[in-house]
Amino acid sequence: MVFPLLAKIFNAIVWCSQPLLYTESTPTAVRNVFCGVAGFLGDLGSVLAPYLKRLEAIHKSAPTLLIAIMSISSAMLVLLMPETKDRKLPEDIDDFELGPLLHYLQKPKKDTKIEE
């Protein structure tokens, strides 16, 4: 009962944020490629979905658990998105900004300049 509810909640988060991810966070130069790859992965999921029922041979709740895990991981990936409120949309890869989580996790660059 818990896993189906979690799957529905996190799946709703992903589907609500998906159009925003396409239009606001991807640079103009790679937006079409990004949308194509995301669409392909969605189509691949549609092809593989009928085979989820076979996971019941492993455990009765295995299909639901797999969907819940994928939905939770997708919802957590939304945290990697950069803030776009009151900001100019990126035009190319150089304008792309890291999200708050990636910015926090990024190691500071060390200055390797050797002075003579």
PDB file of N, CA and C in Angstrom:
ATOM      1  N   MET A   1       0.815  -1.196   0.000  1.00  0.00           N
ATOM      2  CA  MET A   1       0.000   0.000   0.000  1.00  0.00           C
ATOM      3  C   MET A   1       0.863   1.267   0.000  1.00  0.00           C
ATOM      4  N   VAL A   2       1.990   1.217   0.665  1.00  0.00           N
ATOM      5  CA  VAL A   2       2.846   2.395   0.759  1.00  0.00           C
ATOM      6  C   VAL A   2       3.554   2.667  -0.565  1.00  0.00           C
ATOM      7  N   PHE A   3       4.088   1.629  -1.203  1.00  0.00           N
ATOM      8  CA  PHE A   3       4.842   1.822  -2.441  1.00  0.00           C
ATOM      9  C   PHE A   3       3.981   2.362  -3.583  1.00  0.00           C
ATOM     10  N   PRO A   4       2.757   1.867  -3.777  1.00  0.00           N
ATOM     11  CA  PRO A   4       1.944   2.467  -4.846  1.00  0.00           C
ATOM     12  C   PRO A   4       1.644   3.945  -4.596  1.00  0.00           C
ATOM     13  N   LEU A   5       1.421   4.304  -3.334  1.00  0.00           N
ATOM     14  CA  LEU A   5       1.160   5.702  -3.017  1.00  0.00           C
ATOM     15  C   LEU A   5       2.396   6.560  -3.274  1.00  0.00           C
ATOM     16  N   LEU A   6       3.562   6.072  -2.863  1.00  0.00           N
ATOM     17  CA  LEU A   6       4.805   6.798  -3.137  1.00  0.00           C
ATOM     18  C   LEU A   6       5.044   6.932  -4.638  1.00  0.00           C
ATOM     19  N   ALA A   7       4.767   5.866  -5.370  1.00  0.00           N
ATOM     20  CA  ALA A   7       4.952   5.905  -6.823  1.00  0.00           C
ATOM     21  C   ALA A   7       4.058   6.962  -7.450  1.00  0.00           C
ATOM     22  N   LYS A   8       2.808   7.040  -7.023  1.00  0.00           N
ATOM     23  CA  LYS A   8       1.889   8.029  -7.575  1.00  0.00           C
ATOM     24  C   LYS A   8       2.316   9.457  -7.234  1.00  0.00           C
ATOM     25  N   ILE A   9       2.751   9.668  -6.002  1.00  0.00           N
ATOM     26  CA  ILE A   9       3.148  11.013  -5.582  1.00  0.00           C
ATOM     27  C   ILE A   9       4.371  11.485  -6.359  1.00  0.00           C
ATOM     28  N   PHE A  10       5.409  10.665  -6.379  1.00  0.00           N
ATOM     29  CA  PHE A  10       6.633  11.088  -7.050  1.00  0.00           C
ATOM     30  C   PHE A  10       6.475  11.110  -8.566  1.00  0.00           C
ATOM     31  N   ASN A  11       5.629  10.251  -9.101  1.00  0.00           N
ATOM     32  CA  ASN A  11       5.365  10.280 -10.533  1.00  0.00           C
ATOM     33  C   ASN A  11       4.659  11.580 -10.919  1.00  0.00           C
ATOM     34  N   ALA A  12       3.762  12.051 -10.063  1.00  0.00           N
ATOM     35  CA  ALA A  12       3.088  13.325 -10.318  1.00  0.00           C
ATOM     36  C   ALA A  12       4.084  14.480 -10.304  1.00  0.00           C
ATOM     37  N   ILE A  13       5.047  14.436  -9.383  1.00  0.00           N
ATOM     38  CA  ILE A  13       6.075  15.482  -9.327  1.00  0.00           C
ATOM     39  C   ILE A  13       6.871  15.508 -10.626  1.00  0.00           C
ATOM     40  N   VAL A  14       7.240  14.337 -11.100  1.00  0.00           N
ATOM     41  CA  VAL A  14       8.045  14.257 -12.320  1.00  0.00           C
ATOM     42  C   VAL A  14       7.257  14.777 -13.519  1.00  0.00           C
ATOM     43  N   TRP A  15       5.998  14.370 -13.672  1.00  0.00           N
ATOM     44  CA  TRP A  15       5.226  14.790 -14.830  1.00  0.00           C
ATOM     45  C   TRP A  15       4.897  16.274 -14.801  1.00  0.00           C
ATOM     46  N   CYS A  16       4.796  16.865 -13.610  1.00  0.00           N
ATOM     47  CA  CYS A  16       4.539  18.310 -13.525  1.00  0.00           C
ATOM     48  C   CYS A  16       5.784  19.127 -13.847  1.00  0.00           C
ATOM     49  N   SER A  17       6.932  18.615 -13.523  1.00  0.00           N
ATOM     50  CA  SER A  17       8.165  19.377 -13.736  1.00  0.00           C
ATOM     51  C   SER A  17       8.810  19.109 -15.093  1.00  0.00           C
ATOM     52  N   GLN A  18       8.391  18.076 -15.784  1.00  0.00           N
ATOM     53  CA  GLN A  18       9.011  17.713 -17.057  1.00  0.00           C
ATOM     54  C   GLN A  18       8.930  18.825 -18.112  1.00  0.00           C
ATOM     55  N   PRO A  19       7.771  19.451 -18.351  1.00  0.00           N
ATOM     56  CA  PRO A  19       7.753  20.527 -19.360  1.00  0.00           C
ATOM     57  C   PRO A  19       8.637  21.710 -18.980  1.00  0.00           C
ATOM     58  N   LEU A  20       8.729  22.006 -17.699  1.00  0.00           N
ATOM     59  CA  LEU A  20       9.605  23.091 -17.260  1.00  0.00           C
ATOM     60  C   LEU A  20      11.061  22.758 -17.521  1.00  0.00           C
ATOM     61  N   LEU A  21      11.410  21.508 -17.314  1.00  0.00           N
ATOM     62  CA  LEU A  21      12.786  21.078 -17.552  1.00  0.00           C
ATOM     63  C   LEU A  21      13.152  21.258 -19.018  1.00  0.00           C
ATOM     64  N   TYR A  22      12.255  20.889 -19.903  1.00  0.00           N
ATOM     65  CA  TYR A  22      12.534  21.019 -21.337  1.00  0.00           C
ATOM     66  C   TYR A  22      12.761  22.469 -21.741  1.00  0.00           C
ATOM     67  N   THR A  23      11.835  23.326 -21.356  1.00  0.00           N
ATOM     68  CA  THR A  23      11.835  24.674 -21.915  1.00  0.00           C
ATOM     69  C   THR A  23      12.735  25.657 -21.197  1.00  0.00           C
ATOM     70  N   GLU A  24      12.870  25.534 -19.908  1.00  0.00           N
ATOM     71  CA  GLU A  24      13.568  26.580 -19.173  1.00  0.00           C
ATOM     72  C   GLU A  24      15.007  26.272 -18.816  1.00  0.00           C
ATOM     73  N   SER A  25      15.353  25.029 -18.659  1.00  0.00           N
ATOM     74  CA  SER A  25      16.694  24.764 -18.141  1.00  0.00           C
ATOM     75  C   SER A  25      17.690  24.304 -19.192  1.00  0.00           C
ATOM     76  N   THR A  26      17.220  23.909 -20.355  1.00  0.00           N
ATOM     77  CA  THR A  26      18.160  23.455 -21.377  1.00  0.00           C
ATOM     78  C   THR A  26      18.523  24.609 -22.310  1.00  0.00           C
ATOM     79  N   PRO A  27      19.789  24.737 -22.640  1.00  0.00           N
ATOM     80  CA  PRO A  27      20.209  25.795 -23.571  1.00  0.00           C
ATOM     81  C   PRO A  27      19.557  25.616 -24.943  1.00  0.00           C
ATOM     82  N   THR A  28      19.351  26.713 -25.614  1.00  0.00           N
ATOM     83  CA  THR A  28      18.676  26.696 -26.910  1.00  0.00           C
ATOM     84  C   THR A  28      19.385  25.795 -27.915  1.00  0.00           C
ATOM     85  N   ALA A  29      20.700  25.784 -27.895  1.00  0.00           N
ATOM     86  CA  ALA A  29      21.470  25.023 -28.879  1.00  0.00           C
ATOM     87  C   ALA A  29      21.266  23.515 -28.753  1.00  0.00           C
ATOM     88  N   VAL A  30      20.952  23.026 -27.576  1.00  0.00           N
ATOM     89  CA  VAL A  30      20.811  21.577 -27.381  1.00  0.00           C
ATOM     90  C   VAL A  30      19.399  21.174 -26.964  1.00  0.00           C
ATOM     91  N   ARG A  31      18.458  22.102 -27.015  1.00  0.00           N
ATOM     92  CA  ARG A  31      17.101  21.815 -26.544  1.00  0.00           C
ATOM     93  C   ARG A  31      16.443  20.696 -27.347  1.00  0.00           C
ATOM     94  N   ASN A  32      16.573  20.718 -28.669  1.00  0.00           N
ATOM     95  CA  ASN A  32      15.948  19.682 -29.496  1.00  0.00           C
ATOM     96  C   ASN A  32      16.557  18.315 -29.240  1.00  0.00           C
ATOM     97  N   VAL A  33      17.867  18.269 -29.081  1.00  0.00           N
ATOM     98  CA  VAL A  33      18.528  16.991 -28.801  1.00  0.00           C
ATOM     99  C   VAL A  33      18.074  16.458 -27.443  1.00  0.00           C
ATOM    100  N   PHE A  34      18.008  17.335 -26.459  1.00  0.00           N
ATOM    101  CA  PHE A  34      17.579  16.935 -25.121  1.00  0.00           C
ATOM    102  C   PHE A  34      16.152  16.396 -25.143  1.00  0.00           C
ATOM    103  N   CYS A  35      15.260  17.097 -25.834  1.00  0.00           N
ATOM    104  CA  CYS A  35      13.869  16.640 -25.925  1.00  0.00           C
ATOM    105  C   CYS A  35      13.780  15.308 -26.660  1.00  0.00           C
ATOM    106  N   GLY A  36      14.604  15.125 -27.685  1.00  0.00           N
ATOM    107  CA  GLY A  36      14.613  13.861 -28.416  1.00  0.00           C
ATOM    108  C   GLY A  36      15.086  12.702 -27.563  1.00  0.00           C
ATOM    109  N   VAL A  37      16.141  12.920 -26.784  1.00  0.00           N
ATOM    110  CA  VAL A  37      16.654  11.856 -25.912  1.00  0.00           C
ATOM    111  C   VAL A  37      15.635  11.527 -24.828  1.00  0.00           C
ATOM    112  N   ALA A  38      15.033  12.557 -24.235  1.00  0.00           N
ATOM    113  CA  ALA A  38      14.030  12.318 -23.198  1.00  0.00           C
ATOM    114  C   ALA A  38      12.813  11.590 -23.775  1.00  0.00           C
ATOM    115  N   GLY A  39      12.396  11.973 -24.974  1.00  0.00           N
ATOM    116  CA  GLY A  39      11.284  11.284 -25.619  1.00  0.00           C
ATOM    117  C   GLY A  39      11.607   9.834 -25.929  1.00  0.00           C
ATOM    118  N   PHE A  40      12.841   9.590 -26.375  1.00  0.00           N
ATOM    119  CA  PHE A  40      13.267   8.219 -26.653  1.00  0.00           C
ATOM    120  C   PHE A  40      13.234   7.370 -25.386  1.00  0.00           C
ATOM    121  N   LEU A  41      13.727   7.925 -24.283  1.00  0.00           N
ATOM    122  CA  LEU A  41      13.717   7.170 -23.028  1.00  0.00           C
ATOM    123  C   LEU A  41      12.289   6.894 -22.558  1.00  0.00           C
ATOM    124  N   GLY A  42      11.390   7.856 -22.789  1.00  0.00           N
ATOM    125  CA  GLY A  42       9.984   7.626 -22.464  1.00  0.00           C
ATOM    126  C   GLY A  42       9.376   6.529 -23.320  1.00  0.00           C
ATOM    127  N   ASP A  43       9.701   6.531 -24.602  1.00  0.00           N
ATOM    128  CA  ASP A  43       9.212   5.476 -25.495  1.00  0.00           C
ATOM    129  C   ASP A  43       9.786   4.116 -25.121  1.00  0.00           C
ATOM    130  N   LEU A  44      11.045   4.102 -24.729  1.00  0.00           N
ATOM    131  CA  LEU A  44      11.671   2.856 -24.286  1.00  0.00           C
ATOM    132  C   LEU A  44      10.962   2.313 -23.047  1.00  0.00           C
ATOM    133  N   GLY A  45      10.604   3.207 -22.139  1.00  0.00           N
ATOM    134  CA  GLY A  45       9.842   2.790 -20.961  1.00  0.00           C
ATOM    135  C   GLY A  45       8.478   2.228 -21.334  1.00  0.00           C
ATOM    136  N   SER A  46       7.850   2.798 -22.356  1.00  0.00           N
ATOM    137  CA  SER A  46       6.554   2.287 -22.817  1.00  0.00           C
ATOM    138  C   SER A  46       6.681   0.892 -23.417  1.00  0.00           C
ATOM    139  N   VAL A  47       7.792   0.643 -24.092  1.00  0.00           N
ATOM    140  CA  VAL A  47       8.015  -0.681 -24.680  1.00  0.00           C
ATOM    141  C   VAL A  47       8.272  -1.719 -23.589  1.00  0.00           C
ATOM    142  N   LEU A  48       9.022  -1.327 -22.561  1.00  0.00           N
ATOM    143  CA  LEU A  48       9.387  -2.273 -21.504  1.00  0.00           C
ATOM    144  C   LEU A  48       8.301  -2.452 -20.444  1.00  0.00           C
ATOM    145  N   ALA A  49       7.335  -1.545 -20.370  1.00  0.00           N
ATOM    146  CA  ALA A  49       6.306  -1.598 -19.327  1.00  0.00           C
ATOM    147  C   ALA A  49       5.515  -2.909 -19.289  1.00  0.00           C
ATOM    148  N   PRO A  50       5.131  -3.491 -20.417  1.00  0.00           N
ATOM    149  CA  PRO A  50       4.371  -4.744 -20.333  1.00  0.00           C
ATOM    150  C   PRO A  50       5.140  -5.894 -19.679  1.00  0.00           C
ATOM    151  N   TYR A  51       6.448  -5.801 -19.676  1.00  0.00           N
ATOM    152  CA  TYR A  51       7.248  -6.879 -19.097  1.00  0.00           C
ATOM    153  C   TYR A  51       7.403  -6.754 -17.583  1.00  0.00           C
ATOM    154  N   LEU A  52       6.912  -5.668 -16.996  1.00  0.00           N
ATOM    155  CA  LEU A  52       6.998  -5.505 -15.543  1.00  0.00           C
ATOM    156  C   LEU A  52       6.226  -6.594 -14.804  1.00  0.00           C
ATOM    157  N   LYS A  53       5.161  -7.051 -15.408  1.00  0.00           N
ATOM    158  CA  LYS A  53       4.332  -8.087 -14.773  1.00  0.00           C
ATOM    159  C   LYS A  53       5.150  -9.348 -14.501  1.00  0.00           C
ATOM    160  N   ARG A  54       6.148  -9.606 -15.316  1.00  0.00           N
ATOM    161  CA  ARG A  54       6.977 -10.810 -15.127  1.00  0.00           C
ATOM    162  C   ARG A  54       7.831 -10.740 -13.868  1.00  0.00           C
ATOM    163  N   LEU A  55       8.026  -9.538 -13.332  1.00  0.00           N
ATOM    164  CA  LEU A  55       8.801  -9.404 -12.103  1.00  0.00           C
ATOM    165  C   LEU A  55       8.080  -9.997 -10.893  1.00  0.00           C
ATOM    166  N   GLU A  56       6.786 -10.245 -11.024  1.00  0.00           N
ATOM    167  CA  GLU A  56       6.048 -10.863  -9.921  1.00  0.00           C
ATOM    168  C   GLU A  56       6.547 -12.267  -9.623  1.00  0.00           C
ATOM    169  N   ALA A  57       7.239 -12.885 -10.574  1.00  0.00           N
ATOM    170  CA  ALA A  57       7.818 -14.210 -10.327  1.00  0.00           C
ATOM    171  C   ALA A  57       8.909 -14.124  -9.268  1.00  0.00           C
ATOM    172  N   ILE A  58       9.574 -12.977  -9.171  1.00  0.00           N
ATOM    173  CA  ILE A  58      10.605 -12.775  -8.154  1.00  0.00           C
ATOM    174  C   ILE A  58       9.956 -12.483  -6.807  1.00  0.00           C
ATOM    175  N   HIS A  59       9.050 -11.513  -6.788  1.00  0.00           N
ATOM    176  CA  HIS A  59       8.325 -11.144  -5.574  1.00  0.00           C
ATOM    177  C   HIS A  59       7.028 -10.474  -6.001  1.00  0.00           C
ATOM    178  N   LYS A  60       5.986 -10.608  -5.200  1.00  0.00           N
ATOM    179  CA  LYS A  60       4.679 -10.083  -5.571  1.00  0.00           C
ATOM    180  C   LYS A  60       4.691  -8.562  -5.761  1.00  0.00           C
ATOM    181  N   SER A  61       5.445  -7.863  -4.928  1.00  0.00           N
ATOM    182  CA  SER A  61       5.458  -6.398  -5.019  1.00  0.00           C
ATOM    183  C   SER A  61       6.659  -5.849  -5.795  1.00  0.00           C
ATOM    184  N   ALA A  62       7.396  -6.690  -6.491  1.00  0.00           N
ATOM    185  CA  ALA A  62       8.583  -6.239  -7.232  1.00  0.00           C
ATOM    186  C   ALA A  62       8.254  -5.215  -8.327  1.00  0.00           C
ATOM    187  N   PRO A  63       7.188  -5.386  -9.128  1.00  0.00           N
ATOM    188  CA  PRO A  63       6.894  -4.367 -10.146  1.00  0.00           C
ATOM    189  C   PRO A  63       6.583  -3.001  -9.531  1.00  0.00           C
ATOM    190  N   THR A  64       5.789  -3.012  -8.474  1.00  0.00           N
ATOM    191  CA  THR A  64       5.441  -1.759  -7.813  1.00  0.00           C
ATOM    192  C   THR A  64       6.662  -1.115  -7.182  1.00  0.00           C
ATOM    193  N   LEU A  65       7.515  -1.928  -6.594  1.00  0.00           N
ATOM    194  CA  LEU A  65       8.736  -1.415  -5.975  1.00  0.00           C
ATOM    195  C   LEU A  65       9.656  -0.793  -7.028  1.00  0.00           C
ATOM    196  N   LEU A  66       9.783  -1.432  -8.178  1.00  0.00           N
ATOM    197  CA  LEU A  66      10.626  -0.895  -9.248  1.00  0.00           C
ATOM    198  C   LEU A  66      10.096   0.445  -9.747  1.00  0.00           C
ATOM    199  N   ILE A  67       8.789   0.543  -9.945  1.00  0.00           N
ATOM    200  CA  ILE A  67       8.192   1.797 -10.401  1.00  0.00           C
ATOM    201  C   ILE A  67       8.362   2.884  -9.345  1.00  0.00           C
ATOM    202  N   ALA A  68       8.197   2.525  -8.070  1.00  0.00           N
ATOM    203  CA  ALA A  68       8.378   3.504  -6.992  1.00  0.00           C
ATOM    204  C   ALA A  68       9.819   4.001  -6.943  1.00  0.00           C
ATOM    205  N   ILE A  69      10.770   3.106  -7.088  1.00  0.00           N
ATOM    206  CA  ILE A  69      12.185   3.497  -7.057  1.00  0.00           C
ATOM    207  C   ILE A  69      12.519   4.406  -8.238  1.00  0.00           C
ATOM    208  N   MET A  70      12.030   4.064  -9.424  1.00  0.00           N
ATOM    209  CA  MET A  70      12.303   4.908 -10.589  1.00  0.00           C
ATOM    210  C   MET A  70      11.644   6.275 -10.450  1.00  0.00           C
ATOM    211  N   SER A  71      10.435   6.323  -9.903  1.00  0.00           N
ATOM    212  CA  SER A  71       9.747   7.601  -9.722  1.00  0.00           C
ATOM    213  C   SER A  71      10.439   8.463  -8.677  1.00  0.00           C
ATOM    214  N   ILE A  72      10.871   7.848  -7.581  1.00  0.00           N
ATOM    215  CA  ILE A  72      11.575   8.601  -6.539  1.00  0.00           C
ATOM    216  C   ILE A  72      12.895   9.140  -7.074  1.00  0.00           C
ATOM    217  N   SER A  73      13.625   8.311  -7.814  1.00  0.00           N
ATOM    218  CA  SER A  73      14.905   8.786  -8.353  1.00  0.00           C
ATOM    219  C   SER A  73      14.688   9.908  -9.368  1.00  0.00           C
ATOM    220  N   SER A  74      13.636   9.830 -10.162  1.00  0.00           N
ATOM    221  CA  SER A  74      13.340  10.907 -11.113  1.00  0.00           C
ATOM    222  C   SER A  74      12.964  12.192 -10.387  1.00  0.00           C
ATOM    223  N   ALA A  75      12.183  12.055  -9.324  1.00  0.00           N
ATOM    224  CA  ALA A  75      11.809  13.241  -8.552  1.00  0.00           C
ATOM    225  C   ALA A  75      13.026  13.860  -7.871  1.00  0.00           C
ATOM    226  N   MET A  76      13.948  13.037  -7.431  1.00  0.00           N
ATOM    227  CA  MET A  76      15.163  13.563  -6.805  1.00  0.00           C
ATOM    228  C   MET A  76      16.066  14.253  -7.838  1.00  0.00           C
ATOM    229  N   LEU A  77      16.029  13.789  -9.073  1.00  0.00           N
ATOM    230  CA  LEU A  77      16.816  14.436 -10.127  1.00  0.00           C
ATOM    231  C   LEU A  77      16.322  15.849 -10.420  1.00  0.00           C
ATOM    232  N   VAL A  78      15.054  16.116 -10.094  1.00  0.00           N
ATOM    233  CA  VAL A  78      14.518  17.462 -10.270  1.00  0.00           C
ATOM    234  C   VAL A  78      15.291  18.449  -9.395  1.00  0.00           C
ATOM    235  N   LEU A  79      15.816  17.977  -8.268  1.00  0.00           N
ATOM    236  CA  LEU A  79      16.596  18.850  -7.390  1.00  0.00           C
ATOM    237  C   LEU A  79      17.881  19.333  -8.051  1.00  0.00           C
ATOM    238  N   LEU A  80      18.305  18.670  -9.097  1.00  0.00           N
ATOM    239  CA  LEU A  80      19.515  19.072  -9.805  1.00  0.00           C
ATOM    240  C   LEU A  80      19.273  20.228 -10.769  1.00  0.00           C
ATOM    241  N   MET A  81      18.007  20.570 -10.980  1.00  0.00           N
ATOM    242  CA  MET A  81      17.687  21.648 -11.915  1.00  0.00           C
ATOM    243  C   MET A  81      18.094  23.000 -11.340  1.00  0.00           C
ATOM    244  N   PRO A  82      18.633  23.883 -12.167  1.00  0.00           N
ATOM    245  CA  PRO A  82      18.973  25.227 -11.689  1.00  0.00           C
ATOM    246  C   PRO A  82      17.719  26.088 -11.530  1.00  0.00           C
ATOM    247  N   GLU A  83      17.810  27.099 -10.702  1.00  0.00           N
ATOM    248  CA  GLU A  83      16.715  28.052 -10.520  1.00  0.00           C
ATOM    249  C   GLU A  83      16.646  28.956 -11.748  1.00  0.00           C
ATOM    250  N   THR A  84      15.444  29.156 -12.300  1.00  0.00           N
ATOM    251  CA  THR A  84      15.297  29.966 -13.509  1.00  0.00           C
ATOM    252  C   THR A  84      14.432  31.199 -13.292  1.00  0.00           C
ATOM    253  N   LYS A  85      13.956  31.413 -12.085  1.00  0.00           N
ATOM    254  CA  LYS A  85      13.085  32.560 -11.822  1.00  0.00           C
ATOM    255  C   LYS A  85      13.865  33.863 -11.995  1.00  0.00           C
ATOM    256  N   ASP A  86      13.288  34.778 -12.776  1.00  0.00           N
ATOM    257  CA  ASP A  86      13.865  36.100 -13.036  1.00  0.00           C
ATOM    258  C   ASP A  86      15.263  36.033 -13.649  1.00  0.00           C
ATOM    259  N   ARG A  87      15.539  34.998 -14.403  1.00  0.00           N
ATOM    260  CA  ARG A  87      16.843  34.863 -15.061  1.00  0.00           C
ATOM    261  C   ARG A  87      16.636  34.667 -16.556  1.00  0.00           C
ATOM    262  N   LYS A  88      17.627  35.092 -17.307  1.00  0.00           N
ATOM    263  CA  LYS A  88      17.602  34.916 -18.753  1.00  0.00           C
ATOM    264  C   LYS A  88      17.827  33.436 -19.074  1.00  0.00           C
ATOM    265  N   LEU A  89      17.085  32.927 -20.048  1.00  0.00           N
ATOM    266  CA  LEU A  89      17.244  31.530 -20.432  1.00  0.00           C
ATOM    267  C   LEU A  89      18.600  31.316 -21.090  1.00  0.00           C
ATOM    268  N   PRO A  90      19.230  30.176 -20.850  1.00  0.00           N
ATOM    269  CA  PRO A  90      20.549  29.929 -21.448  1.00  0.00           C
ATOM    270  C   PRO A  90      20.448  29.767 -22.962  1.00  0.00           C
ATOM    271  N   GLU A  91      21.392  30.374 -23.666  1.00  0.00           N
ATOM    272  CA  GLU A  91      21.428  30.293 -25.126  1.00  0.00           C
ATOM    273  C   GLU A  91      22.331  29.176 -25.622  1.00  0.00           C
ATOM    274  N   ASP A  92      23.404  28.885 -24.898  1.00  0.00           N
ATOM    275  CA  ASP A  92      24.301  27.801 -25.288  1.00  0.00           C
ATOM    276  C   ASP A  92      24.843  27.127 -24.028  1.00  0.00           C
ATOM    277  N   ILE A  93      25.693  26.140 -24.223  1.00  0.00           N
ATOM    278  CA  ILE A  93      26.211  25.350 -23.103  1.00  0.00           C
ATOM    279  C   ILE A  93      26.985  26.217 -22.115  1.00  0.00           C
ATOM    280  N   ASP A  94      27.684  27.235 -22.605  1.00  0.00           N
ATOM    281  CA  ASP A  94      28.467  28.093 -21.715  1.00  0.00           C
ATOM    282  C   ASP A  94      27.584  28.903 -20.770  1.00  0.00           C
ATOM    283  N   ASP A  95      26.349  29.184 -21.181  1.00  0.00           N
ATOM    284  CA  ASP A  95      25.419  29.934 -20.331  1.00  0.00           C
ATOM    285  C   ASP A  95      24.720  29.042 -19.310  1.00  0.00           C
ATOM    286  N   PHE A  96      24.839  27.741 -19.479  1.00  0.00           N
ATOM    287  CA  PHE A  96      24.130  26.809 -18.603  1.00  0.00           C
ATOM    288  C   PHE A  96      24.676  26.901 -17.186  1.00  0.00           C
ATOM    289  N   GLU A  97      23.769  26.939 -16.239  1.00  0.00           N
ATOM    290  CA  GLU A  97      24.145  27.079 -14.838  1.00  0.00           C
ATOM    291  C   GLU A  97      23.840  25.781 -14.091  1.00  0.00           C
ATOM    292  N   LEU A  98      24.714  25.415 -13.187  1.00  0.00           N
ATOM    293  CA  LEU A  98      24.487  24.221 -12.383  1.00  0.00           C
ATOM    294  C   LEU A  98      23.336  24.463 -11.419  1.00  0.00           C
ATOM    295  N   GLY A  99      22.632  23.402 -11.065  1.00  0.00           N
ATOM    296  CA  GLY A  99      21.587  23.503 -10.071  1.00  0.00           C
ATOM    297  C   GLY A  99      22.178  23.643  -8.679  1.00  0.00           C
ATOM    298  N   PRO A 100      21.333  23.910  -7.679  1.00  0.00           N
ATOM    299  CA  PRO A 100      21.858  24.123  -6.329  1.00  0.00           C
ATOM    300  C   PRO A 100      22.570  22.907  -5.753  1.00  0.00           C
ATOM    301  N   LEU A 101      22.066  21.725  -6.016  1.00  0.00           N
ATOM    302  CA  LEU A 101      22.695  20.522  -5.475  1.00  0.00           C
ATOM    303  C   LEU A 101      24.033  20.253  -6.159  1.00  0.00           C
ATOM    304  N   LEU A 102      24.082  20.360  -7.479  1.00  0.00           N
ATOM    305  CA  LEU A 102      25.342  20.149  -8.192  1.00  0.00           C
ATOM    306  C   LEU A 102      26.360  21.234  -7.856  1.00  0.00           C
ATOM    307  N   HIS A 103      25.876  22.454  -7.661  1.00  0.00           N
ATOM    308  CA  HIS A 103      26.780  23.535  -7.291  1.00  0.00           C
ATOM    309  C   HIS A 103      27.400  23.253  -5.922  1.00  0.00           C
ATOM    310  N   TYR A 104      26.610  22.719  -5.018  1.00  0.00           N
ATOM    311  CA  TYR A 104      27.101  22.374  -3.681  1.00  0.00           C
ATOM    312  C   TYR A 104      28.099  21.219  -3.735  1.00  0.00           C
ATOM    313  N   LEU A 105      27.827  20.245  -4.593  1.00  0.00           N
ATOM    314  CA  LEU A 105      28.675  19.058  -4.679  1.00  0.00           C
ATOM    315  C   LEU A 105      29.942  19.273  -5.501  1.00  0.00           C
ATOM    316  N   GLN A 106      29.943  20.317  -6.323  1.00  0.00           N
ATOM    317  CA  GLN A 106      31.098  20.558  -7.188  1.00  0.00           C
ATOM    318  C   GLN A 106      32.317  20.922  -6.344  1.00  0.00           C
ATOM    319  N   LYS A 107      33.422  20.285  -6.659  1.00  0.00           N
ATOM    320  CA  LYS A 107      34.661  20.569  -5.936  1.00  0.00           C
ATOM    321  C   LYS A 107      35.209  21.914  -6.392  1.00  0.00           C
ATOM    322  N   PRO A 108      35.722  22.695  -5.458  1.00  0.00           N
ATOM    323  CA  PRO A 108      36.314  23.974  -5.876  1.00  0.00           C
ATOM    324  C   PRO A 108      37.555  23.744  -6.729  1.00  0.00           C
ATOM    325  N   LYS A 109      37.696  24.576  -7.741  1.00  0.00           N
ATOM    326  CA  LYS A 109      38.848  24.444  -8.633  1.00  0.00           C
ATOM    327  C   LYS A 109      40.082  25.015  -7.945  1.00  0.00           C
ATOM    328  N   LYS A 110      41.150  24.257  -8.007  1.00  0.00           N
ATOM    329  CA  LYS A 110      42.403  24.713  -7.417  1.00  0.00           C
ATOM    330  C   LYS A 110      43.200  25.465  -8.469  1.00  0.00           C
ATOM    331  N   ASP A 111      43.858  26.496  -8.034  1.00  0.00           N
ATOM    332  CA  ASP A 111      44.695  27.281  -8.936  1.00  0.00           C
ATOM    333  C   ASP A 111      46.041  26.575  -9.064  1.00  0.00           C
ATOM    334  N   THR A 112      46.300  26.041 -10.240  1.00  0.00           N
ATOM    335  CA  THR A 112      47.535  25.279 -10.457  1.00  0.00           C
ATOM    336  C   THR A 112      48.613  26.119 -11.128  1.00  0.00           C
ATOM    337  N   LYS A 113      48.434  27.397 -11.093  1.00  0.00           N
ATOM    338  CA  LYS A 113      49.378  28.298 -11.734  1.00  0.00           C
ATOM    339  C   LYS A 113      50.693  28.321 -10.941  1.00  0.00           C
ATOM    340  N   ILE A 114      51.786  28.104 -11.627  1.00  0.00           N
ATOM    341  CA  ILE A 114      53.103  28.104 -10.989  1.00  0.00           C
ATOM    342  C   ILE A 114      53.762  29.452 -11.256  1.00  0.00           C
ATOM    343  N   GLU A 115      54.108  30.103 -10.178  1.00  0.00           N
ATOM    344  CA  GLU A 115      54.753  31.408 -10.322  1.00  0.00           C
ATOM    345  C   GLU A 115      56.257  31.227 -10.439  1.00  0.00           C
ATOM    346  N   GLU A 116      56.876  32.029 -11.284  1.00  0.00           N
ATOM    347  CA  GLU A 116      58.328  31.951 -11.467  1.00  0.00           C
ATOM    348  C   GLU A 116      59.020  33.076 -10.754  1.00  0.00           C
TER     349      GLU A 116
END
